Amino acid sequence: MTSNHVVPAAPGAPQAAAGEHLLRDAGLRVTGVRLAVLRALDGHEHSTADDVVRTVRDDLGSVSVQAVYDCLHALTGAGLLRRMEPAGHPARYERRVGDNHHHVVCRGCGAVADVDCVVGEAPCLMPGDTHGFTLDLAEVTFWGLCPACATGPAPAR
């Protein structure tokens, strides 16, 4: 993966064509649900599966939870989405793929933001012993308090 894939959020023929090309280029069938999932995550990075289900239903009407989960799995497997799962929080999905970035998570409200890797190339961290593995990614999650939570009451631990 060498580029960031983004499908514009606004509905219409040019945006649909971009989503169709992404799916076809990844070897996936073009379906309405897959296009809706891509649109749901465009501009709404770090969404949970439940967030995506709600947005897709707003877009398409009736769609099963399983259909959305299947799409998230297929799109992640094809490299069109990235899945991250901060400890103690539900998995989140994002469209930013093809680069080496990490995440910061607020211990108070659970907000998630991207943090660019200072090295820039994957993997940006190397363990002392790889046990023979060929490494291609290091996932780092930084934890702290977002500005809103840092100025409010201390979170319960």
N, C-alpha and C. Protein backbone atom coordinates (compact mmCIF):
# COMPACT_ATOMS: atom_id res chain seq x y z
N MET A 1 0.85 -1.18 0.00
CA MET A 1 0.00 0.00 0.00
C MET A 1 0.89 1.24 0.00
N THR A 2 0.71 2.06 -1.00
CA THR A 2 1.57 3.22 -1.09
C THR A 2 0.83 4.53 -1.19
N SER A 3 -0.49 4.52 -1.18
CA SER A 3 -1.20 5.78 -1.29
C SER A 3 -2.42 5.79 -0.37
N ASN A 4 -2.88 6.99 -0.05
CA ASN A 4 -4.10 7.13 0.74
C ASN A 4 -5.28 7.08 -0.20
N HIS A 5 -6.26 6.24 0.10
CA HIS A 5 -7.46 6.12 -0.72
C HIS A 5 -8.57 6.91 -0.05
N VAL A 6 -9.22 7.80 -0.82
CA VAL A 6 -10.31 8.59 -0.28
C VAL A 6 -11.41 8.66 -1.32
N VAL A 7 -12.63 8.42 -0.90
CA VAL A 7 -13.80 8.59 -1.76
C VAL A 7 -14.56 9.79 -1.25
N PRO A 8 -14.87 10.78 -2.10
CA PRO A 8 -15.62 11.94 -1.64
C PRO A 8 -16.94 11.55 -1.00
N ALA A 9 -17.37 12.33 0.00
CA ALA A 9 -18.56 11.99 0.78
C ALA A 9 -19.86 12.33 0.08
N ALA A 10 -19.89 13.39 -0.72
CA ALA A 10 -21.15 13.82 -1.33
C ALA A 10 -21.64 12.80 -2.34
N PRO A 11 -22.96 12.52 -2.33
CA PRO A 11 -23.49 11.56 -3.28
C PRO A 11 -23.45 12.12 -4.69
N GLY A 12 -23.38 11.23 -5.67
CA GLY A 12 -23.38 11.66 -7.06
C GLY A 12 -22.55 10.74 -7.92
N ALA A 13 -22.69 10.91 -9.23
CA ALA A 13 -22.03 10.02 -10.18
C ALA A 13 -20.50 10.03 -10.06
N PRO A 14 -19.82 11.20 -10.01
CA PRO A 14 -18.36 11.16 -9.93
C PRO A 14 -17.87 10.44 -8.67
N GLN A 15 -18.52 10.65 -7.54
CA GLN A 15 -18.11 10.00 -6.31
C GLN A 15 -18.36 8.51 -6.38
N ALA A 16 -19.51 8.11 -6.90
CA ALA A 16 -19.82 6.69 -7.03
C ALA A 16 -18.80 6.02 -7.93
N ALA A 17 -18.42 6.69 -9.02
CA ALA A 17 -17.44 6.12 -9.94
C ALA A 17 -16.10 5.93 -9.24
N ALA A 18 -15.70 6.87 -8.39
CA ALA A 18 -14.43 6.73 -7.66
C ALA A 18 -14.48 5.53 -6.74
N GLY A 19 -15.58 5.35 -6.03
CA GLY A 19 -15.75 4.20 -5.15
C GLY A 19 -15.77 2.89 -5.93
N GLU A 20 -16.43 2.91 -7.07
CA GLU A 20 -16.47 1.72 -7.91
C GLU A 20 -15.07 1.33 -8.37
N HIS A 21 -14.28 2.31 -8.77
CA HIS A 21 -12.90 2.04 -9.21
C HIS A 21 -12.07 1.47 -8.06
N LEU A 22 -12.21 2.04 -6.86
CA LEU A 22 -11.46 1.51 -5.71
C LEU A 22 -11.79 0.05 -5.47
N LEU A 23 -13.08 -0.27 -5.48
CA LEU A 23 -13.50 -1.65 -5.24
C LEU A 23 -12.99 -2.58 -6.33
N ARG A 24 -13.16 -2.18 -7.58
CA ARG A 24 -12.70 -3.04 -8.68
C ARG A 24 -11.18 -3.21 -8.64
N ASP A 25 -10.45 -2.12 -8.39
CA ASP A 25 -8.99 -2.20 -8.33
C ASP A 25 -8.53 -3.12 -7.21
N ALA A 26 -9.34 -3.24 -6.15
CA ALA A 26 -9.01 -4.13 -5.03
C ALA A 26 -9.50 -5.56 -5.27
N GLY A 27 -10.14 -5.80 -6.43
CA GLY A 27 -10.63 -7.13 -6.74
C GLY A 27 -11.94 -7.47 -6.07
N LEU A 28 -12.69 -6.45 -5.65
CA LEU A 28 -13.97 -6.67 -4.97
C LEU A 28 -15.13 -6.33 -5.91
N ARG A 29 -16.24 -7.05 -5.72
CA ARG A 29 -17.46 -6.70 -6.44
C ARG A 29 -17.97 -5.35 -5.95
N VAL A 30 -18.55 -4.60 -6.86
CA VAL A 30 -19.15 -3.32 -6.51
C VAL A 30 -20.58 -3.59 -6.06
N THR A 31 -20.88 -3.23 -4.80
CA THR A 31 -22.24 -3.37 -4.29
C THR A 31 -22.65 -2.05 -3.65
N GLY A 32 -23.94 -1.86 -3.53
CA GLY A 32 -24.45 -0.65 -2.89
C GLY A 32 -24.01 -0.53 -1.45
N VAL A 33 -23.97 -1.66 -0.74
CA VAL A 33 -23.58 -1.62 0.67
C VAL A 33 -22.10 -1.26 0.79
N ARG A 34 -21.25 -1.83 -0.05
CA ARG A 34 -19.82 -1.50 0.01
C ARG A 34 -19.59 -0.02 -0.29
N LEU A 35 -20.28 0.50 -1.31
CA LEU A 35 -20.15 1.93 -1.62
C LEU A 35 -20.64 2.78 -0.45
N ALA A 36 -21.74 2.37 0.18
CA ALA A 36 -22.28 3.12 1.32
C ALA A 36 -21.33 3.09 2.52
N VAL A 37 -20.66 1.95 2.74
CA VAL A 37 -19.69 1.86 3.84
C VAL A 37 -18.52 2.80 3.57
N LEU A 38 -18.03 2.84 2.34
CA LEU A 38 -16.94 3.77 2.01
C LEU A 38 -17.38 5.21 2.24
N ARG A 39 -18.59 5.54 1.81
CA ARG A 39 -19.09 6.91 2.02
C ARG A 39 -19.25 7.21 3.50
N ALA A 40 -19.71 6.22 4.27
CA ALA A 40 -19.94 6.42 5.71
C ALA A 40 -18.65 6.77 6.43
N LEU A 41 -17.53 6.22 5.97
CA LEU A 41 -16.26 6.48 6.64
C LEU A 41 -15.52 7.68 6.08
N ASP A 42 -15.96 8.19 4.96
CA ASP A 42 -15.32 9.36 4.39
C ASP A 42 -15.69 10.58 5.22
N GLY A 43 -14.71 11.17 5.85
CA GLY A 43 -14.96 12.32 6.71
C GLY A 43 -15.38 11.96 8.11
N HIS A 44 -15.51 10.68 8.40
CA HIS A 44 -15.90 10.21 9.73
C HIS A 44 -14.92 9.13 10.18
N GLU A 45 -13.66 9.52 10.23
CA GLU A 45 -12.61 8.57 10.59
C GLU A 45 -12.80 8.06 12.01
N HIS A 46 -12.30 6.87 12.25
CA HIS A 46 -12.32 6.23 13.57
C HIS A 46 -13.74 5.92 14.03
N SER A 47 -14.60 5.54 13.09
CA SER A 47 -15.97 5.18 13.41
C SER A 47 -16.04 3.73 13.87
N THR A 48 -16.94 3.47 14.81
CA THR A 48 -17.20 2.10 15.23
C THR A 48 -18.09 1.43 14.18
N ALA A 49 -18.20 0.12 14.25
CA ALA A 49 -19.10 -0.60 13.35
C ALA A 49 -20.54 -0.12 13.54
N ASP A 50 -20.93 0.14 14.78
CA ASP A 50 -22.29 0.64 15.03
C ASP A 50 -22.51 2.01 14.38
N ASP A 51 -21.49 2.87 14.42
CA ASP A 51 -21.58 4.17 13.75
C ASP A 51 -21.80 3.97 12.25
N VAL A 52 -21.05 3.04 11.68
CA VAL A 52 -21.14 2.78 10.24
C VAL A 52 -22.51 2.22 9.90
N VAL A 53 -23.03 1.30 10.71
CA VAL A 53 -24.36 0.73 10.46
C VAL A 53 -25.40 1.85 10.43
N ARG A 54 -25.37 2.75 11.41
CA ARG A 54 -26.34 3.85 11.45
C ARG A 54 -26.24 4.73 10.20
N THR A 55 -25.03 5.07 9.81
CA THR A 55 -24.83 5.94 8.65
C THR A 55 -25.27 5.25 7.37
N VAL A 56 -24.93 3.97 7.22
CA VAL A 56 -25.33 3.23 6.03
C VAL A 56 -26.85 3.11 5.97
N ARG A 57 -27.50 2.87 7.10
CA ARG A 57 -28.97 2.80 7.11
C ARG A 57 -29.58 4.15 6.76
N ASP A 58 -28.97 5.24 7.21
CA ASP A 58 -29.46 6.57 6.83
C ASP A 58 -29.33 6.77 5.32
N ASP A 59 -28.29 6.20 4.75
CA ASP A 59 -28.01 6.34 3.32
C ASP A 59 -28.89 5.43 2.47
N LEU A 60 -28.99 4.16 2.84
CA LEU A 60 -29.65 3.17 2.00
C LEU A 60 -31.03 2.74 2.48
N GLY A 61 -31.34 3.00 3.73
CA GLY A 61 -32.56 2.45 4.30
C GLY A 61 -32.23 1.16 5.02
N SER A 62 -33.01 0.16 4.80
CA SER A 62 -32.85 -1.10 5.51
C SER A 62 -31.63 -1.86 4.99
N VAL A 63 -30.73 -2.19 5.92
CA VAL A 63 -29.58 -3.04 5.62
C VAL A 63 -29.24 -3.78 6.91
N SER A 64 -28.84 -5.03 6.78
CA SER A 64 -28.58 -5.81 7.98
C SER A 64 -27.25 -5.44 8.61
N VAL A 65 -27.18 -5.61 9.92
CA VAL A 65 -25.93 -5.39 10.64
C VAL A 65 -24.86 -6.32 10.09
N GLN A 66 -25.23 -7.57 9.82
CA GLN A 66 -24.27 -8.54 9.31
C GLN A 66 -23.70 -8.11 7.96
N ALA A 67 -24.53 -7.53 7.10
CA ALA A 67 -24.05 -7.07 5.79
C ALA A 67 -22.98 -6.00 5.96
N VAL A 68 -23.20 -5.09 6.90
CA VAL A 68 -22.21 -4.03 7.14
C VAL A 68 -20.93 -4.62 7.73
N TYR A 69 -21.06 -5.52 8.70
CA TYR A 69 -19.88 -6.18 9.27
C TYR A 69 -19.10 -6.93 8.19
N ASP A 70 -19.81 -7.63 7.31
CA ASP A 70 -19.15 -8.36 6.22
C ASP A 70 -18.39 -7.39 5.31
N CYS A 71 -19.01 -6.25 5.02
CA CYS A 71 -18.34 -5.24 4.18
C CYS A 71 -17.11 -4.68 4.87
N LEU A 72 -17.22 -4.36 6.15
CA LEU A 72 -16.07 -3.84 6.88
C LEU A 72 -14.92 -4.85 6.84
N HIS A 73 -15.25 -6.12 7.02
CA HIS A 73 -14.23 -7.17 6.98
C HIS A 73 -13.60 -7.27 5.59
N ALA A 74 -14.42 -7.28 4.55
CA ALA A 74 -13.90 -7.39 3.18
C ALA A 74 -13.06 -6.17 2.80
N LEU A 75 -13.53 -4.99 3.14
CA LEU A 75 -12.81 -3.76 2.78
C LEU A 75 -11.50 -3.65 3.55
N THR A 76 -11.49 -4.11 4.80
CA THR A 76 -10.26 -4.12 5.59
C THR A 76 -9.28 -5.14 5.00
N GLY A 77 -9.77 -6.31 4.67
CA GLY A 77 -8.93 -7.35 4.09
C GLY A 77 -8.33 -6.93 2.75
N ALA A 78 -9.05 -6.10 2.00
CA ALA A 78 -8.58 -5.63 0.70
C ALA A 78 -7.66 -4.42 0.82
N GLY A 79 -7.48 -3.92 2.04
CA GLY A 79 -6.61 -2.77 2.24
C GLY A 79 -7.25 -1.42 1.98
N LEU A 80 -8.57 -1.38 1.85
CA LEU A 80 -9.27 -0.12 1.63
C LEU A 80 -9.65 0.57 2.93
N LEU A 81 -9.66 -0.19 4.02
CA LEU A 81 -9.92 0.34 5.35
C LEU A 81 -8.84 -0.14 6.29
N ARG A 82 -8.67 0.58 7.37
CA ARG A 82 -7.78 0.15 8.44
C ARG A 82 -8.62 -0.01 9.70
N ARG A 83 -8.39 -1.10 10.41
CA ARG A 83 -9.11 -1.37 11.66
C ARG A 83 -8.13 -1.20 12.80
N MET A 84 -8.55 -0.49 13.82
CA MET A 84 -7.74 -0.36 15.04
C MET A 84 -8.66 -0.61 16.21
N GLU A 85 -8.10 -1.24 17.26
CA GLU A 85 -8.92 -1.58 18.42
C GLU A 85 -8.19 -1.18 19.69
N PRO A 86 -8.45 0.05 20.17
CA PRO A 86 -7.81 0.46 21.42
C PRO A 86 -8.31 -0.40 22.59
N ALA A 87 -7.43 -0.75 23.48
CA ALA A 87 -7.79 -1.59 24.63
C ALA A 87 -8.98 -1.01 25.37
N GLY A 88 -9.98 -1.85 25.61
CA GLY A 88 -11.16 -1.43 26.37
C GLY A 88 -12.17 -0.64 25.56
N HIS A 89 -11.95 -0.52 24.26
CA HIS A 89 -12.85 0.24 23.39
C HIS A 89 -13.23 -0.62 22.19
N PRO A 90 -14.36 -0.32 21.55
CA PRO A 90 -14.72 -1.08 20.35
C PRO A 90 -13.75 -0.79 19.20
N ALA A 91 -13.69 -1.70 18.27
CA ALA A 91 -12.86 -1.49 17.07
C ALA A 91 -13.33 -0.24 16.35
N ARG A 92 -12.38 0.44 15.73
CA ARG A 92 -12.67 1.64 14.94
C ARG A 92 -12.13 1.40 13.53
N TYR A 93 -12.78 2.02 12.56
CA TYR A 93 -12.39 1.88 11.16
C TYR A 93 -12.08 3.25 10.59
N GLU A 94 -11.10 3.26 9.68
CA GLU A 94 -10.74 4.52 9.03
C GLU A 94 -10.35 4.27 7.59
N ARG A 95 -10.45 5.31 6.79
CA ARG A 95 -10.10 5.26 5.37
C ARG A 95 -8.63 5.55 5.14
N ARG A 96 -7.93 6.09 6.12
CA ARG A 96 -6.52 6.44 5.93
C ARG A 96 -5.69 5.16 5.96
N VAL A 97 -5.29 4.74 4.79
CA VAL A 97 -4.47 3.54 4.63
C VAL A 97 -3.27 3.89 3.76
N GLY A 98 -2.31 3.03 3.75
CA GLY A 98 -1.19 3.21 2.84
C GLY A 98 -0.09 4.10 3.37
N ASP A 99 -0.18 4.50 4.62
CA ASP A 99 0.91 5.27 5.21
C ASP A 99 1.19 4.69 6.59
N ASN A 100 2.17 5.25 7.24
CA ASN A 100 2.56 4.77 8.56
C ASN A 100 2.14 5.82 9.57
N HIS A 101 1.00 5.61 10.21
CA HIS A 101 0.56 6.54 11.25
C HIS A 101 0.05 5.76 12.45
N HIS A 102 -0.04 6.45 13.55
CA HIS A 102 -0.47 5.85 14.81
C HIS A 102 -1.69 6.60 15.32
N HIS A 103 -2.07 6.33 16.56
CA HIS A 103 -3.27 6.94 17.12
C HIS A 103 -3.05 7.40 18.55
N VAL A 104 -3.79 8.43 18.92
CA VAL A 104 -3.85 8.89 20.30
C VAL A 104 -5.30 8.73 20.74
N VAL A 105 -5.50 8.18 21.95
CA VAL A 105 -6.84 7.89 22.46
C VAL A 105 -7.01 8.59 23.80
N CYS A 106 -8.14 9.27 23.97
CA CYS A 106 -8.44 9.95 25.23
C CYS A 106 -8.99 8.94 26.23
N ARG A 107 -8.39 8.92 27.41
CA ARG A 107 -8.86 8.03 28.48
C ARG A 107 -10.21 8.50 29.04
N GLY A 108 -10.55 9.76 28.86
CA GLY A 108 -11.80 10.29 29.40
C GLY A 108 -12.99 9.99 28.51
N CYS A 109 -12.97 10.48 27.27
CA CYS A 109 -14.14 10.37 26.40
C CYS A 109 -13.97 9.34 25.28
N GLY A 110 -12.77 8.82 25.09
CA GLY A 110 -12.54 7.83 24.05
C GLY A 110 -12.26 8.40 22.67
N ALA A 111 -12.12 9.73 22.56
CA ALA A 111 -11.82 10.34 21.26
C ALA A 111 -10.51 9.75 20.72
N VAL A 112 -10.46 9.61 19.39
CA VAL A 112 -9.28 9.06 18.72
C VAL A 112 -8.83 10.05 17.66
N ALA A 113 -7.52 10.24 17.55
CA ALA A 113 -6.95 11.10 16.52
C ALA A 113 -5.71 10.43 15.93
N ASP A 114 -5.41 10.78 14.69
CA ASP A 114 -4.22 10.25 14.04
C ASP A 114 -2.98 10.99 14.52
N VAL A 115 -1.88 10.25 14.60
CA VAL A 115 -0.57 10.80 14.93
C VAL A 115 0.39 10.31 13.86
N ASP A 116 0.97 11.22 13.10
CA ASP A 116 1.91 10.82 12.08
C ASP A 116 3.18 10.26 12.72
N CYS A 117 3.73 9.25 12.08
CA CYS A 117 4.98 8.65 12.55
C CYS A 117 6.12 9.59 12.21
N VAL A 118 7.00 9.81 13.17
CA VAL A 118 8.12 10.73 12.93
C VAL A 118 9.15 10.12 12.00
N VAL A 119 9.19 8.81 11.90
CA VAL A 119 10.13 8.16 10.98
C VAL A 119 9.58 8.17 9.57
N GLY A 120 8.28 7.94 9.45
CA GLY A 120 7.63 8.03 8.16
C GLY A 120 7.53 6.73 7.38
N GLU A 121 8.36 5.76 7.65
CA GLU A 121 8.28 4.51 6.91
C GLU A 121 8.01 3.35 7.85
N ALA A 122 7.29 2.38 7.35
CA ALA A 122 6.91 1.24 8.18
C ALA A 122 7.98 0.15 8.12
N PRO A 123 8.18 -0.61 9.17
CA PRO A 123 7.72 -0.27 10.52
C PRO A 123 8.64 0.78 11.14
N CYS A 124 8.06 1.68 11.90
CA CYS A 124 8.86 2.77 12.47
C CYS A 124 9.55 2.36 13.76
N LEU A 125 9.17 1.24 14.31
CA LEU A 125 9.82 0.70 15.51
C LEU A 125 10.26 -0.72 15.21
N MET A 126 11.38 -1.10 15.73
CA MET A 126 11.87 -2.46 15.55
C MET A 126 12.16 -3.08 16.91
N PRO A 127 11.61 -4.26 17.17
CA PRO A 127 11.90 -4.92 18.44
C PRO A 127 13.32 -5.45 18.45
N GLY A 128 13.83 -5.73 19.64
CA GLY A 128 15.16 -6.28 19.77
C GLY A 128 15.30 -7.63 19.11
N ASP A 129 14.23 -8.41 19.09
CA ASP A 129 14.26 -9.74 18.48
C ASP A 129 12.97 -9.91 17.69
N THR A 130 13.07 -10.17 16.40
CA THR A 130 11.88 -10.36 15.56
C THR A 130 11.43 -11.81 15.52
N HIS A 131 12.16 -12.71 16.13
CA HIS A 131 11.83 -14.14 16.15
C HIS A 131 11.65 -14.70 14.75
N GLY A 132 12.38 -14.12 13.79
CA GLY A 132 12.32 -14.58 12.41
C GLY A 132 11.20 -13.99 11.58
N PHE A 133 10.36 -13.17 12.18
CA PHE A 133 9.26 -12.55 11.44
C PHE A 133 9.80 -11.46 10.52
N THR A 134 9.18 -11.29 9.37
CA THR A 134 9.43 -10.15 8.51
C THR A 134 8.41 -9.09 8.90
N LEU A 135 8.86 -7.99 9.46
CA LEU A 135 7.95 -6.98 9.98
C LEU A 135 7.61 -5.95 8.90
N ASP A 136 6.34 -5.54 8.87
CA ASP A 136 5.92 -4.52 7.91
C ASP A 136 5.11 -3.41 8.55
N LEU A 137 4.78 -3.54 9.84
CA LEU A 137 3.96 -2.51 10.49
C LEU A 137 4.20 -2.54 11.99
N ALA A 138 4.24 -1.39 12.59
CA ALA A 138 4.26 -1.26 14.05
C ALA A 138 3.06 -0.39 14.41
N GLU A 139 2.17 -0.90 15.26
CA GLU A 139 1.01 -0.12 15.70
C GLU A 139 1.31 0.44 17.08
N VAL A 140 1.20 1.74 17.19
CA VAL A 140 1.45 2.41 18.45
C VAL A 140 0.18 3.17 18.82
N THR A 141 -0.26 3.02 20.06
CA THR A 141 -1.40 3.78 20.56
C THR A 141 -0.92 4.61 21.74
N PHE A 142 -1.06 5.90 21.61
CA PHE A 142 -0.74 6.81 22.70
C PHE A 142 -2.01 7.06 23.49
N TRP A 143 -1.92 7.12 24.80
CA TRP A 143 -3.07 7.34 25.67
C TRP A 143 -2.88 8.62 26.47
N GLY A 144 -3.95 9.33 26.70
CA GLY A 144 -3.90 10.56 27.49
C GLY A 144 -5.28 11.16 27.59
N LEU A 145 -5.34 12.45 27.78
CA LEU A 145 -6.61 13.17 27.85
C LEU A 145 -6.67 14.20 26.74
N CYS A 146 -7.79 14.26 26.06
CA CYS A 146 -8.00 15.28 25.03
C CYS A 146 -8.11 16.64 25.74
N PRO A 147 -8.02 17.74 25.00
CA PRO A 147 -8.10 19.05 25.65
C PRO A 147 -9.38 19.27 26.46
N ALA A 148 -10.52 18.78 25.97
CA ALA A 148 -11.78 18.97 26.70
C ALA A 148 -11.77 18.20 28.01
N CYS A 149 -11.28 16.96 27.99
CA CYS A 149 -11.25 16.15 29.21
C CYS A 149 -10.16 16.62 30.18
N ALA A 150 -9.08 17.15 29.65
CA ALA A 150 -7.98 17.62 30.50
C ALA A 150 -8.39 18.81 31.36
N THR A 151 -9.35 19.59 30.88
CA THR A 151 -9.79 20.76 31.64
C THR A 151 -11.02 20.47 32.48
N GLY A 152 -11.62 19.28 32.29
CA GLY A 152 -12.81 18.90 33.05
C GLY A 152 -12.45 18.06 34.26
N PRO A 153 -13.46 17.45 34.89
CA PRO A 153 -13.21 16.57 36.05
C PRO A 153 -12.36 15.37 35.63
N ALA A 154 -11.56 14.88 36.54
CA ALA A 154 -10.69 13.73 36.27
C ALA A 154 -11.54 12.51 35.97
N PRO A 155 -11.13 11.70 34.93
CA PRO A 155 -11.89 10.50 34.60
C PRO A 155 -11.75 9.44 35.66
N ALA A 156 -12.78 8.63 35.83
CA ALA A 156 -12.73 7.50 36.77
C ALA A 156 -11.83 6.44 36.19
N ARG A 157 -11.06 5.79 37.02
CA ARG A 157 -10.16 4.73 36.54
C ARG A 157 -10.60 3.41 37.06
